[in-house]
Each structure stands twice: as structure tokens, then as C-alpha cells.
């Protein structure tokens, strides 16, 4: 953040059913040192969240962006929900 480096961090998030009481709250911890934190809730929203992440990387002052993907998100069908930058 201090060096203004545009960096996309994709991290594994807490599985569904997990709570903040038993797992580390990554979104809350990194919110102050990132431009944007996104947590993908459903596999079909993956293209939307990737577009948002790259938009934040390219706009304004450069800085890190965090995208959290839960392990049990499900299967992502690229043909049904294609990603187009």
C-alpha cells in the first residue's frame, strides 16, 4: 500500500457455515491496507468480482486489491458465465 503497487491478491476464504468466531476475519483485517476487498458468494458471480477487482487496480492511486474465494464455492462454468475484461 505504501509503495502504491497495483497487486491483486486472491486468497482462500472461510467455507460456508464458518463463523468469524472460529476463523480469521481476513476481509476486516486487510480492509485498511487495500483499496477494495471482495468476497465471492456464488460461483456465477466470479466474472463480476474479477471485473470489479481489475477496475479498482486500474483506477485512481495504485494499490493492492483483495479477492476472497471460499473453498466450497462450487463449480464455475466458464461457458455459462464467461469473463470478458
C-alpha atoms as a PDB file:
ATOM      1  CA  UNK A   1       0.000   0.000   0.000  1.00  0.00           C
ATOM      2  CA  UNK A   2       2.781   2.433   0.888  1.00  0.00           C
ATOM      3  CA  UNK A   3       4.579   1.790  -2.421  1.00  0.00           C
ATOM      4  CA  UNK A   4       1.366   2.254  -4.440  1.00  0.00           C
ATOM      5  CA  UNK A   5       1.824  -1.093  -6.164  1.00  0.00           C
ATOM      6  CA  UNK A   6      -1.190  -2.483  -8.021  1.00  0.00           C
ATOM      7  CA  UNK A   7      -1.375  -6.043  -6.724  1.00  0.00           C
ATOM      8  CA  UNK A   8      -4.275  -8.487  -6.982  1.00  0.00           C
ATOM      9  CA  UNK A   9      -4.334 -10.926  -4.074  1.00  0.00           C
ATOM     10  CA  UNK A  10      -6.626 -13.944  -4.424  1.00  0.00           C
ATOM     11  CA  UNK A  11      -6.988 -15.702  -1.085  1.00  0.00           C
ATOM     12  CA  UNK A  12      -8.938 -18.676   0.190  1.00  0.00           C
ATOM     13  CA  UNK A  13     -11.803 -17.635   2.411  1.00  0.00           C
ATOM     14  CA  UNK A  14     -13.869 -19.248   5.137  1.00  0.00           C
ATOM     15  CA  UNK A  15     -16.177 -22.012   3.973  1.00  0.00           C
ATOM     16  CA  UNK A  16     -19.922 -21.584   4.160  1.00  0.00           C
ATOM     17  CA  UNK A  17     -21.159 -22.235   7.640  1.00  0.00           C
ATOM     18  CA  UNK A  18     -17.930 -20.985   9.181  1.00  0.00           C
ATOM     19  CA  UNK A  19     -18.139 -18.054  11.532  1.00  0.00           C
ATOM     20  CA  UNK A  20     -15.881 -15.199  12.483  1.00  0.00           C
ATOM     21  CA  UNK A  21     -15.623 -16.661  15.965  1.00  0.00           C
ATOM     22  CA  UNK A  22     -13.747 -19.722  14.707  1.00  0.00           C
ATOM     23  CA  UNK A  23     -11.886 -18.259  11.716  1.00  0.00           C
ATOM     24  CA  UNK A  24      -9.661 -15.273  10.980  1.00  0.00           C
ATOM     25  CA  UNK A  25     -11.593 -12.313   9.529  1.00  0.00           C
ATOM     26  CA  UNK A  26      -9.355 -11.623   6.550  1.00  0.00           C
ATOM     27  CA  UNK A  27     -11.662  -9.020   4.990  1.00  0.00           C
ATOM     28  CA  UNK A  28     -11.758  -6.956   8.168  1.00  0.00           C
ATOM     29  CA  UNK A  29      -8.030  -7.258   8.776  1.00  0.00           C
ATOM     30  CA  UNK A  30      -6.936  -6.157   5.300  1.00  0.00           C
ATOM     31  CA  UNK A  31      -9.619  -3.525   4.640  1.00  0.00           C
ATOM     32  CA  UNK A  32      -7.402  -0.717   5.951  1.00  0.00           C
ATOM     33  CA  UNK A  33      -4.433  -1.589   3.700  1.00  0.00           C
ATOM     34  CA  UNK A  34      -6.263  -2.400   0.453  1.00  0.00           C
ATOM     35  CA  UNK A  35      -8.233  -0.309  -1.998  1.00  0.00           C
ATOM     36  CA  UNK A  36     -11.034  -2.867  -2.146  1.00  0.00           C
ATOM     37  CA  UNK A  37     -11.915  -6.222  -0.593  1.00  0.00           C
ATOM     38  CA  UNK A  38     -14.345  -8.540  -2.355  1.00  0.00           C
ATOM     39  CA  UNK A  39     -15.721 -11.882  -1.209  1.00  0.00           C
ATOM     40  CA  UNK A  40     -17.295 -14.066  -3.875  1.00  0.00           C
ATOM     41  CA  UNK A  41     -20.533 -15.579  -2.548  1.00  0.00           C
ATOM     42  CA  UNK A  42     -21.602 -17.620  -5.581  1.00  0.00           C
ATOM     43  CA  UNK A  43     -19.596 -19.182  -8.405  1.00  0.00           C
ATOM     44  CA  UNK A  44     -21.666 -17.436 -11.091  1.00  0.00           C
ATOM     45  CA  UNK A  45     -20.570 -14.035  -9.703  1.00  0.00           C
ATOM     46  CA  UNK A  46     -16.879 -14.741 -10.383  1.00  0.00           C
ATOM     47  CA  UNK A  47     -16.715 -12.669 -13.612  1.00  0.00           C
ATOM     48  CA  UNK A  48     -18.389  -9.693 -11.912  1.00  0.00           C
ATOM     49  CA  UNK A  49     -15.973  -9.731  -8.986  1.00  0.00           C
ATOM     50  CA  UNK A  50     -12.961 -10.100 -11.281  1.00  0.00           C
ATOM     51  CA  UNK A  51     -14.117  -7.091 -13.311  1.00  0.00           C
ATOM     52  CA  UNK A  52     -14.518  -5.060 -10.112  1.00  0.00           C
ATOM     53  CA  UNK A  53     -11.090  -6.112  -8.852  1.00  0.00           C
ATOM     54  CA  UNK A  54      -9.340  -5.124 -12.087  1.00  0.00           C
ATOM     55  CA  UNK A  55     -11.298  -1.859 -12.262  1.00  0.00           C
ATOM     56  CA  UNK A  56     -10.032  -0.944  -8.782  1.00  0.00           C
ATOM     57  CA  UNK A  57      -6.485  -1.920  -9.779  1.00  0.00           C
ATOM     58  CA  UNK A  58      -6.545   0.357 -12.840  1.00  0.00           C
ATOM     59  CA  UNK A  59      -8.374   3.355 -11.390  1.00  0.00           C
ATOM     60  CA  UNK A  60      -7.148   6.014  -9.000  1.00  0.00           C
ATOM     61  CA  UNK A  61      -3.997   5.677  -6.985  1.00  0.00           C
ATOM     62  CA  UNK A  62      -2.433   2.226  -7.444  1.00  0.00           C
ATOM     63  CA  UNK A  63      -2.713  -0.134  -4.513  1.00  0.00           C
ATOM     64  CA  UNK A  64      -3.452  -3.730  -3.545  1.00  0.00           C
ATOM     65  CA  UNK A  65      -6.858  -5.349  -4.048  1.00  0.00           C
ATOM     66  CA  UNK A  66      -8.004  -8.455  -2.153  1.00  0.00           C
ATOM     67  CA  UNK A  67     -10.406 -11.009  -3.614  1.00  0.00           C
ATOM     68  CA  UNK A  68     -11.540 -13.762  -1.235  1.00  0.00           C
ATOM     69  CA  UNK A  69     -12.740 -17.041  -2.727  1.00  0.00           C
ATOM     70  CA  UNK A  70     -14.220 -19.635  -0.330  1.00  0.00           C
ATOM     71  CA  UNK A  71     -13.028 -23.204  -0.817  1.00  0.00           C
ATOM     72  CA  UNK A  72     -16.541 -24.636  -1.179  1.00  0.00           C
ATOM     73  CA  UNK A  73     -17.755 -22.019  -3.663  1.00  0.00           C
ATOM     74  CA  UNK A  74     -18.810 -24.699  -6.139  1.00  0.00           C
ATOM     75  CA  UNK A  75     -18.065 -25.285  -9.772  1.00  0.00           C
ATOM     76  CA  UNK A  76     -17.703 -22.335 -12.093  1.00  0.00           C
ATOM     77  CA  UNK A  77     -18.979 -22.925 -15.625  1.00  0.00           C
ATOM     78  CA  UNK A  78     -16.882 -20.716 -17.879  1.00  0.00           C
ATOM     79  CA  UNK A  79     -19.147 -21.320 -20.881  1.00  0.00           C
ATOM     80  CA  UNK A  80     -22.266 -20.239 -18.998  1.00  0.00           C
ATOM     81  CA  UNK A  81     -20.669 -17.220 -17.268  1.00  0.00           C
ATOM     82  CA  UNK A  82     -17.720 -16.082 -19.422  1.00  0.00           C
ATOM     83  CA  UNK A  83     -15.247 -13.499 -18.184  1.00  0.00           C
ATOM     84  CA  UNK A  84     -14.680 -10.579 -20.531  1.00  0.00           C
ATOM     85  CA  UNK A  85     -12.440  -7.745 -19.371  1.00  0.00           C
END
